[in-house]
PDB file of N, CA and C in Angstrom:
ATOM      1  N   UNK A   1      41.515  71.943 114.191  1.00  0.00           N
ATOM      2  CA  UNK A   1      40.799  72.010 115.452  1.00  0.00           C
ATOM      3  C   UNK A   1      39.596  71.068 115.432  1.00  0.00           C
ATOM      4  N   UNK A   2      38.991  70.926 114.272  1.00  0.00           N
ATOM      5  CA  UNK A   2      37.813  70.049 114.144  1.00  0.00           C
ATOM      6  C   UNK A   2      38.193  68.592 114.371  1.00  0.00           C
ATOM      7  N   UNK A   3      39.398  68.203 113.929  1.00  0.00           N
ATOM      8  CA  UNK A   3      39.842  66.821 114.125  1.00  0.00           C
ATOM      9  C   UNK A   3      40.000  66.504 115.600  1.00  0.00           C
ATOM     10  N   UNK A   4      40.508  67.460 116.353  1.00  0.00           N
ATOM     11  CA  UNK A   4      40.703  67.250 117.787  1.00  0.00           C
ATOM     12  C   UNK A   4      39.356  67.086 118.485  1.00  0.00           C
ATOM     13  N   UNK A   5      38.388  67.930 118.142  1.00  0.00           N
ATOM     14  CA  UNK A   5      37.052  67.818 118.735  1.00  0.00           C
ATOM     15  C   UNK A   5      36.418  66.478 118.383  1.00  0.00           C
ATOM     16  N   UNK A   6      36.587  66.053 117.149  1.00  0.00           N
ATOM     17  CA  UNK A   6      36.038  64.771 116.716  1.00  0.00           C
ATOM     18  C   UNK A   6      36.696  63.622 117.464  1.00  0.00           C
ATOM     19  N   UNK A   7      37.999  63.709 117.642  1.00  0.00           N
ATOM     20  CA  UNK A   7      38.721  62.658 118.371  1.00  0.00           C
ATOM     21  C   UNK A   7      38.210  62.540 119.796  1.00  0.00           C
ATOM     22  N   UNK A   8      38.053  63.674 120.490  1.00  0.00           N
ATOM     23  CA  UNK A   8      37.584  63.626 121.870  1.00  0.00           C
ATOM     24  C   UNK A   8      36.130  63.166 121.956  1.00  0.00           C
ATOM     25  N   UNK A   9      35.324  63.491 120.960  1.00  0.00           N
ATOM     26  CA  UNK A   9      33.945  63.005 120.937  1.00  0.00           C
ATOM     27  C   UNK A   9      33.922  61.484 120.789  1.00  0.00           C
ATOM     28  N   UNK A  10      34.788  60.942 119.945  1.00  0.00           N
ATOM     29  CA  UNK A  10      34.877  59.493 119.789  1.00  0.00           C
ATOM     30  C   UNK A  10      35.390  58.841 121.068  1.00  0.00           C
ATOM     31  N   UNK A  11      36.366  59.455 121.710  1.00  0.00           N
ATOM     32  CA  UNK A  11      36.891  58.918 122.973  1.00  0.00           C
ATOM     33  C   UNK A  11      35.800  58.883 124.031  1.00  0.00           C
ATOM     34  N   UNK A  12      35.022  59.933 124.129  1.00  0.00           N
ATOM     35  CA  UNK A  12      33.938  59.995 125.107  1.00  0.00           C
ATOM     36  C   UNK A  12      32.898  58.921 124.826  1.00  0.00           C
ATOM     37  N   UNK A  13      32.583  58.687 123.565  1.00  0.00           N
ATOM     38  CA  UNK A  13      31.608  57.662 123.190  1.00  0.00           C
ATOM     39  C   UNK A  13      32.107  56.271 123.591  1.00  0.00           C
ATOM     40  N   UNK A  14      33.389  55.995 123.329  1.00  0.00           N
ATOM     41  CA  UNK A  14      33.955  54.695 123.696  1.00  0.00           C
ATOM     42  C   UNK A  14      33.968  54.547 125.218  1.00  0.00           C
ATOM     43  N   UNK A  15      34.320  55.606 125.937  1.00  0.00           N
ATOM     44  CA  UNK A  15      34.408  55.548 127.391  1.00  0.00           C
ATOM     45  C   UNK A  15      33.054  55.198 128.016  1.00  0.00           C
ATOM     46  N   UNK A  16      31.963  55.690 127.417  1.00  0.00           N
ATOM     47  CA  UNK A  16      30.640  55.388 127.972  1.00  0.00           C
ATOM     48  C   UNK A  16      30.233  53.940 127.716  1.00  0.00           C
ATOM     49  N   UNK A  17      30.799  53.311 126.699  1.00  0.00           N
ATOM     50  CA  UNK A  17      30.455  51.925 126.366  1.00  0.00           C
ATOM     51  C   UNK A  17      31.250  50.925 127.201  1.00  0.00           C
ATOM     52  N   UNK A  18      32.407  51.335 127.688  1.00  0.00           N
ATOM     53  CA  UNK A  18      33.290  50.418 128.411  1.00  0.00           C
ATOM     54  C   UNK A  18      32.628  49.822 129.640  1.00  0.00           C
ATOM     55  N   UNK A  19      33.021  48.586 129.951  1.00  0.00           N
ATOM     56  CA  UNK A  19      32.578  47.948 131.182  1.00  0.00           C
ATOM     57  C   UNK A  19      33.756  47.205 131.791  1.00  0.00           C
ATOM     58  N   UNK A  20      33.726  47.036 133.088  1.00  0.00           N
ATOM     59  CA  UNK A  20      34.799  46.326 133.776  1.00  0.00           C
ATOM     60  C   UNK A  20      34.655  44.831 133.486  1.00  0.00           C
ATOM     61  N   UNK A  21      35.758  44.167 133.089  1.00  0.00           N
ATOM     62  CA  UNK A  21      35.659  42.732 132.796  1.00  0.00           C
ATOM     63  C   UNK A  21      35.452  41.927 134.084  1.00  0.00           C
ATOM     64  N   UNK A  22      34.764  40.802 133.947  1.00  0.00           N
ATOM     65  CA  UNK A  22      34.584  39.916 135.091  1.00  0.00           C
ATOM     66  C   UNK A  22      35.912  39.227 135.399  1.00  0.00           C
ATOM     67  N   UNK A  23      35.968  38.557 136.540  1.00  0.00           N
ATOM     68  CA  UNK A  23      37.210  37.868 136.911  1.00  0.00           C
ATOM     69  C   UNK A  23      37.553  36.790 135.894  1.00  0.00           C
ATOM     70  N   UNK A  24      36.543  36.095 135.388  1.00  0.00           N
ATOM     71  CA  UNK A  24      36.788  35.034 134.404  1.00  0.00           C
ATOM     72  C   UNK A  24      37.324  35.615 133.092  1.00  0.00           C
ATOM     73  N   UNK A  25      36.746  36.720 132.633  1.00  0.00           N
ATOM     74  CA  UNK A  25      37.250  37.374 131.420  1.00  0.00           C
ATOM     75  C   UNK A  25      38.687  37.840 131.610  1.00  0.00           C
ATOM     76  N   UNK A  26      38.970  38.418 132.777  1.00  0.00           N
ATOM     77  CA  UNK A  26      40.315  38.901 133.055  1.00  0.00           C
ATOM     78  C   UNK A  26      41.317  37.755 133.065  1.00  0.00           C
ATOM     79  N   UNK A  27      40.955  36.637 133.689  1.00  0.00           N
ATOM     80  CA  UNK A  27      41.848  35.477 133.727  1.00  0.00           C
ATOM     81  C   UNK A  27      42.108  34.945 132.323  1.00  0.00           C
ATOM     82  N   UNK A  28      41.063  34.857 131.508  1.00  0.00           N
ATOM     83  CA  UNK A  28      41.220  34.361 130.141  1.00  0.00           C
ATOM     84  C   UNK A  28      42.133  35.262 129.331  1.00  0.00           C
ATOM     85  N   UNK A  29      41.920  36.563 129.417  1.00  0.00           N
ATOM     86  CA  UNK A  29      42.754  37.521 128.683  1.00  0.00           C
ATOM     87  C   UNK A  29      44.197  37.439 129.165  1.00  0.00           C
ATOM     88  N   UNK A  30      44.390  37.308 130.480  1.00  0.00           N
ATOM     89  CA  UNK A  30      45.737  37.211 131.036  1.00  0.00           C
ATOM     90  C   UNK A  30      46.447  35.949 130.552  1.00  0.00           C
ATOM     91  N   UNK A  31      45.739  34.833 130.534  1.00  0.00           N
ATOM     92  CA  UNK A  31      46.339  33.577 130.077  1.00  0.00           C
ATOM     93  C   UNK A  31      46.741  33.668 128.612  1.00  0.00           C
ATOM     94  N   UNK A  32      45.865  34.192 127.783  1.00  0.00           N
ATOM     95  CA  UNK A  32      46.155  34.304 126.347  1.00  0.00           C
ATOM     96  C   UNK A  32      47.340  35.239 126.120  1.00  0.00           C
ATOM     97  N   UNK A  33      47.377  36.359 126.853  1.00  0.00           N
ATOM     98  CA  UNK A  33      48.496  37.294 126.714  1.00  0.00           C
ATOM     99  C   UNK A  33      49.806  36.648 127.145  1.00  0.00           C
ATOM    100  N   UNK A  34      49.780  35.910 128.248  1.00  0.00           N
ATOM    101  CA  UNK A  34      50.994  35.253 128.733  1.00  0.00           C
ATOM    102  C   UNK A  34      51.486  34.207 127.741  1.00  0.00           C
ATOM    103  N   UNK A  35      50.568  33.446 127.167  1.00  0.00           N
ATOM    104  CA  UNK A  35      50.955  32.442 126.167  1.00  0.00           C
ATOM    105  C   UNK A  35      51.579  33.121 124.954  1.00  0.00           C
ATOM    106  N   UNK A  36      50.997  34.226 124.518  1.00  0.00           N
ATOM    107  CA  UNK A  36      51.549  34.959 123.379  1.00  0.00           C
ATOM    108  C   UNK A  36      52.938  35.502 123.656  1.00  0.00           C
ATOM    109  N   UNK A  37      53.128  36.073 124.834  1.00  0.00           N
ATOM    110  CA  UNK A  37      54.448  36.606 125.193  1.00  0.00           C
ATOM    111  C   UNK A  37      55.479  35.482 125.261  1.00  0.00           C
ATOM    112  N   UNK A  38      55.104  34.367 125.868  1.00  0.00           N
ATOM    113  CA  UNK A  38      56.020  33.228 125.946  1.00  0.00           C
ATOM    114  C   UNK A  38      56.355  32.676 124.565  1.00  0.00           C
ATOM    115  N   UNK A  39      55.359  32.610 123.679  1.00  0.00           N
ATOM    116  CA  UNK A  39      55.601  32.097 122.332  1.00  0.00           C
ATOM    117  C   UNK A  39      56.571  33.001 121.573  1.00  0.00           C
ATOM    118  N   UNK A  40      56.367  34.303 121.662  1.00  0.00           N
ATOM    119  CA  UNK A  40      57.258  35.238 120.979  1.00  0.00           C
ATOM    120  C   UNK A  40      58.671  35.137 121.554  1.00  0.00           C
ATOM    121  N   UNK A  41      58.774  35.033 122.880  1.00  0.00           N
ATOM    122  CA  UNK A  41      60.081  34.880 123.509  1.00  0.00           C
ATOM    123  C   UNK A  41      60.764  33.592 123.094  1.00  0.00           C
ATOM    124  N   UNK A  42      60.004  32.514 123.012  1.00  0.00           N
ATOM    125  CA  UNK A  42      60.568  31.229 122.602  1.00  0.00           C
ATOM    126  C   UNK A  42      61.074  31.281 121.161  1.00  0.00           C
ATOM    127  N   UNK A  43      60.306  31.898 120.288  1.00  0.00           N
ATOM    128  CA  UNK A  43      60.730  32.029 118.891  1.00  0.00           C
ATOM    129  C   UNK A  43      62.018  32.853 118.817  1.00  0.00           C
ATOM    130  N   UNK A  44      62.079  33.944 119.561  1.00  0.00           N
ATOM    131  CA  UNK A  44      63.286  34.767 119.578  1.00  0.00           C
ATOM    132  C   UNK A  44      64.486  34.009 120.125  1.00  0.00           C
ATOM    133  N   UNK A  45      64.266  33.206 121.170  1.00  0.00           N
ATOM    134  CA  UNK A  45      65.352  32.418 121.737  1.00  0.00           C
ATOM    135  C   UNK A  45      65.855  31.384 120.736  1.00  0.00           C
ATOM    136  N   UNK A  46      64.925  30.719 120.060  1.00  0.00           N
ATOM    137  CA  UNK A  46      65.316  29.699 119.073  1.00  0.00           C
ATOM    138  C   UNK A  46      66.096  30.337 117.928  1.00  0.00           C
ATOM    139  N   UNK A  47      65.624  31.473 117.441  1.00  0.00           N
ATOM    140  CA  UNK A  47      66.328  32.156 116.352  1.00  0.00           C
ATOM    141  C   UNK A  47      67.718  32.590 116.818  1.00  0.00           C
ATOM    142  N   UNK A  48      67.800  33.124 118.039  1.00  0.00           N
ATOM    143  CA  UNK A  48      69.103  33.525 118.574  1.00  0.00           C
ATOM    144  C   UNK A  48      70.053  32.352 118.722  1.00  0.00           C
ATOM    145  N   UNK A  49      69.534  31.204 119.180  1.00  0.00           N
ATOM    146  CA  UNK A  49      70.371  30.017 119.334  1.00  0.00           C
ATOM    147  C   UNK A  49      70.849  29.510 117.978  1.00  0.00           C
ATOM    148  N   UNK A  50      69.969  29.516 116.991  1.00  0.00           N
ATOM    149  CA  UNK A  50      70.356  29.079 115.658  1.00  0.00           C
ATOM    150  C   UNK A  50      71.415  29.999 115.070  1.00  0.00           C
ATOM    151  N   UNK A  51      71.231  31.297 115.264  1.00  0.00           N
ATOM    152  CA  UNK A  51      72.198  32.273 114.753  1.00  0.00           C
ATOM    153  C   UNK A  51      73.565  32.079 115.428  1.00  0.00           C
ATOM    154  N   UNK A  52      73.557  31.768 116.719  1.00  0.00           N
ATOM    155  CA  UNK A  52      74.806  31.581 117.433  1.00  0.00           C
ATOM    156  C   UNK A  52      75.499  30.301 116.971  1.00  0.00           C
ATOM    157  N   UNK A  53      74.741  29.258 116.685  1.00  0.00           N
ATOM    158  CA  UNK A  53      75.319  27.994 116.239  1.00  0.00           C
ATOM    159  C   UNK A  53      75.982  28.165 114.868  1.00  0.00           C
ATOM    160  N   UNK A  54      75.331  28.883 113.959  1.00  0.00           N
ATOM    161  CA  UNK A  54      75.828  28.994 112.584  1.00  0.00           C
ATOM    162  C   UNK A  54      76.782  30.157 112.370  1.00  0.00           C
ATOM    163  N   UNK A  55      77.080  30.929 113.393  1.00  0.00           N
ATOM    164  CA  UNK A  55      78.014  32.046 113.172  1.00  0.00           C
ATOM    165  C   UNK A  55      79.388  31.759 113.720  1.00  0.00           C
TER     166      UNK A  55
END
C-alpha cells in the first residue's frame, strides 16, 4: 500500500511541474518523431527487401 501512495505522490509532483509546450517546441518534437519513425520504417523495409532477395 505504501508503494501505491508513493507512486501517486510522485505523479502529483510531476503533474505540478508540467507545462504546455510552445508551438515551436511542439513542431520540433513532431519533426524529430516523424524522422525517427520514417528511419525505423526504412530500415525495416530494407531488411525485408534483402531477406526477400536472398530467400
